[in-house]
Amino acid sequence: MLISLDHLQEKIEVGELLTVVVVKAANVVSDIRENIRNLTGGRMEHYEKLIQEGVDTALENLEKKAKERGYDGVIGVKISNPMVVTGGAEIIVYGNGFKKSNRSGGVEEEIAKKGDKI
């Protein structure tokens, strides 16, 4: 299954917007250690790992949702972590599901017919 940041792919039918939200909680002991590190400076590796795990989970869930709805992939994927709250992280992933089209010409031909530029 294709999960892509690109918006245009040849010969596809763009479907609905698919969204996934993942909220992960931090370990209390690690959270205290990271707060101390925040005071002294340096990488907050526990939070880096927490956010990476959240992104991985969100992308897996997005792929699963796309498959369940009969899509061949997701395009225009965006990843956002609007905030890291005390003791956790929120990750939002969204994009449009798509199905491979059997039509000739594809997206570029359709845009050219409308007079728009690619």
Protein backbone atom coordinates (compact mmCIF):
# COMPACT_ATOMS: atom_id res chain seq x y z
CA MET A 1 0.00 0.00 0.00
CA LEU A 2 1.29 3.45 -0.93
CA ILE A 3 1.41 6.08 1.82
CA SER A 4 2.65 9.26 0.13
CA LEU A 5 3.22 12.93 0.84
CA ASP A 6 2.55 13.68 -2.84
CA HIS A 7 -0.85 14.99 -3.87
CA LEU A 8 -1.02 13.90 -7.50
CA GLN A 9 -0.55 10.38 -8.75
CA GLU A 10 -1.37 9.20 -12.25
CA LYS A 11 -4.62 7.39 -12.93
CA ILE A 12 -6.14 7.48 -9.47
CA GLU A 13 -9.54 8.30 -8.06
CA VAL A 14 -9.17 10.41 -4.93
CA GLY A 15 -11.46 9.44 -2.08
CA GLU A 16 -12.35 10.70 1.36
CA LEU A 17 -10.11 12.31 3.94
CA LEU A 18 -8.86 9.69 6.40
CA THR A 19 -7.73 10.78 9.86
CA VAL A 20 -6.04 9.03 12.74
CA VAL A 21 -5.27 10.40 16.21
CA VAL A 22 -2.89 8.67 18.62
CA VAL A 23 -2.24 9.84 22.17
CA LYS A 24 0.56 8.11 24.05
CA ALA A 25 1.29 8.41 27.75
CA ALA A 26 4.80 8.73 29.12
CA ASN A 27 6.19 6.75 32.02
CA VAL A 28 5.97 8.88 35.19
CA VAL A 29 9.57 8.15 36.23
CA SER A 30 10.88 8.95 32.75
CA ASP A 31 8.74 12.07 32.69
CA ILE A 32 10.42 13.35 35.87
CA ARG A 33 13.86 12.63 34.39
CA GLU A 34 12.95 14.47 31.17
CA ASN A 35 11.72 17.49 33.14
CA ILE A 36 15.10 17.67 34.88
CA ARG A 37 16.85 17.34 31.50
CA ASN A 38 14.67 20.19 30.24
CA LEU A 39 16.16 22.39 32.97
CA THR A 40 19.76 21.43 32.19
CA GLY A 41 19.50 21.18 28.40
CA GLY A 42 20.09 18.27 26.06
CA ARG A 43 18.08 15.82 24.03
CA MET A 44 14.86 14.57 25.54
CA GLU A 45 15.27 11.03 24.23
CA HIS A 46 12.29 9.62 26.11
CA TYR A 47 9.96 12.10 24.39
CA GLU A 48 11.67 11.54 21.03
CA LYS A 49 10.97 7.82 21.36
CA LEU A 50 7.42 8.48 22.56
CA ILE A 51 6.65 10.71 19.56
CA GLN A 52 8.31 8.32 17.07
CA GLU A 53 6.28 5.39 18.43
CA GLY A 54 3.14 7.52 18.16
CA VAL A 55 3.89 8.45 14.53
CA ASP A 56 4.60 4.81 13.64
CA THR A 57 1.36 3.68 15.28
CA ALA A 58 -0.63 6.44 13.56
CA LEU A 59 0.77 5.54 10.11
CA GLU A 60 -0.01 1.85 10.71
CA ASN A 61 -3.56 2.78 11.75
CA LEU A 62 -3.95 5.03 8.68
CA GLU A 63 -2.89 2.18 6.40
CA LYS A 64 -5.29 -0.19 8.18
CA LYS A 65 -8.18 2.30 7.85
CA ALA A 66 -7.44 2.77 4.14
CA LYS A 67 -7.43 -1.00 3.54
CA GLU A 68 -10.68 -1.45 5.48
CA ARG A 69 -12.34 1.17 3.24
CA GLY A 70 -11.07 -0.44 0.05
CA TYR A 71 -8.40 2.11 -0.88
CA ASP A 72 -5.12 1.26 -2.60
CA GLY A 73 -3.22 3.89 -0.63
CA VAL A 74 -3.25 7.35 0.92
CA ILE A 75 -1.91 10.54 -0.70
CA GLY A 76 -1.21 14.00 0.66
CA VAL A 77 -0.29 12.56 4.05
CA LYS A 78 0.39 15.09 6.79
CA ILE A 79 1.76 14.39 10.27
CA SER A 80 1.19 16.81 13.11
CA ASN A 81 2.00 16.75 16.79
CA PRO A 82 0.22 19.84 18.01
CA MET A 83 1.42 19.47 21.57
CA VAL A 84 3.40 17.38 23.98
CA VAL A 85 1.36 17.49 27.15
CA THR A 86 2.73 16.66 30.55
CA GLY A 87 2.99 12.91 30.54
CA GLY A 88 2.05 12.32 26.92
CA ALA A 89 2.15 13.17 23.24
CA GLU A 90 -0.60 13.66 20.64
CA ILE A 91 -0.02 12.73 16.99
CA ILE A 92 -2.49 13.44 14.18
CA VAL A 93 -2.02 11.85 10.74
CA TYR A 94 -4.32 12.52 7.79
CA GLY A 95 -4.51 12.19 4.01
CA ASN A 96 -6.88 11.26 1.18
CA GLY A 97 -7.53 7.65 0.35
CA PHE A 98 -7.23 6.74 -3.32
CA LYS A 99 -8.09 3.93 -5.68
CA LYS A 100 -6.18 3.12 -8.82
CA SER A 101 -8.24 4.21 -11.80
CA ASN A 102 -8.89 2.14 -14.90
CA ARG A 103 -9.61 5.30 -16.86
CA SER A 104 -7.19 6.32 -19.58
CA GLY A 105 -5.33 9.59 -19.29
CA GLY A 106 -5.19 9.87 -15.54
CA VAL A 107 -5.06 12.98 -13.43
CA GLU A 108 -2.75 14.98 -15.70
CA GLU A 109 -5.09 14.63 -18.70
CA GLU A 110 -8.07 15.69 -16.59
CA ILE A 111 -6.23 18.79 -15.36
CA ALA A 112 -5.17 19.67 -18.92
CA LYS A 113 -8.82 19.44 -20.07
CA LYS A 114 -9.80 21.98 -17.41
CA GLY A 115 -6.98 24.31 -18.47
CA ASP A 116 -5.28 24.18 -15.09
CA LYS A 117 -1.52 23.85 -14.71
CA ILE A 118 0.16 20.94 -13.01
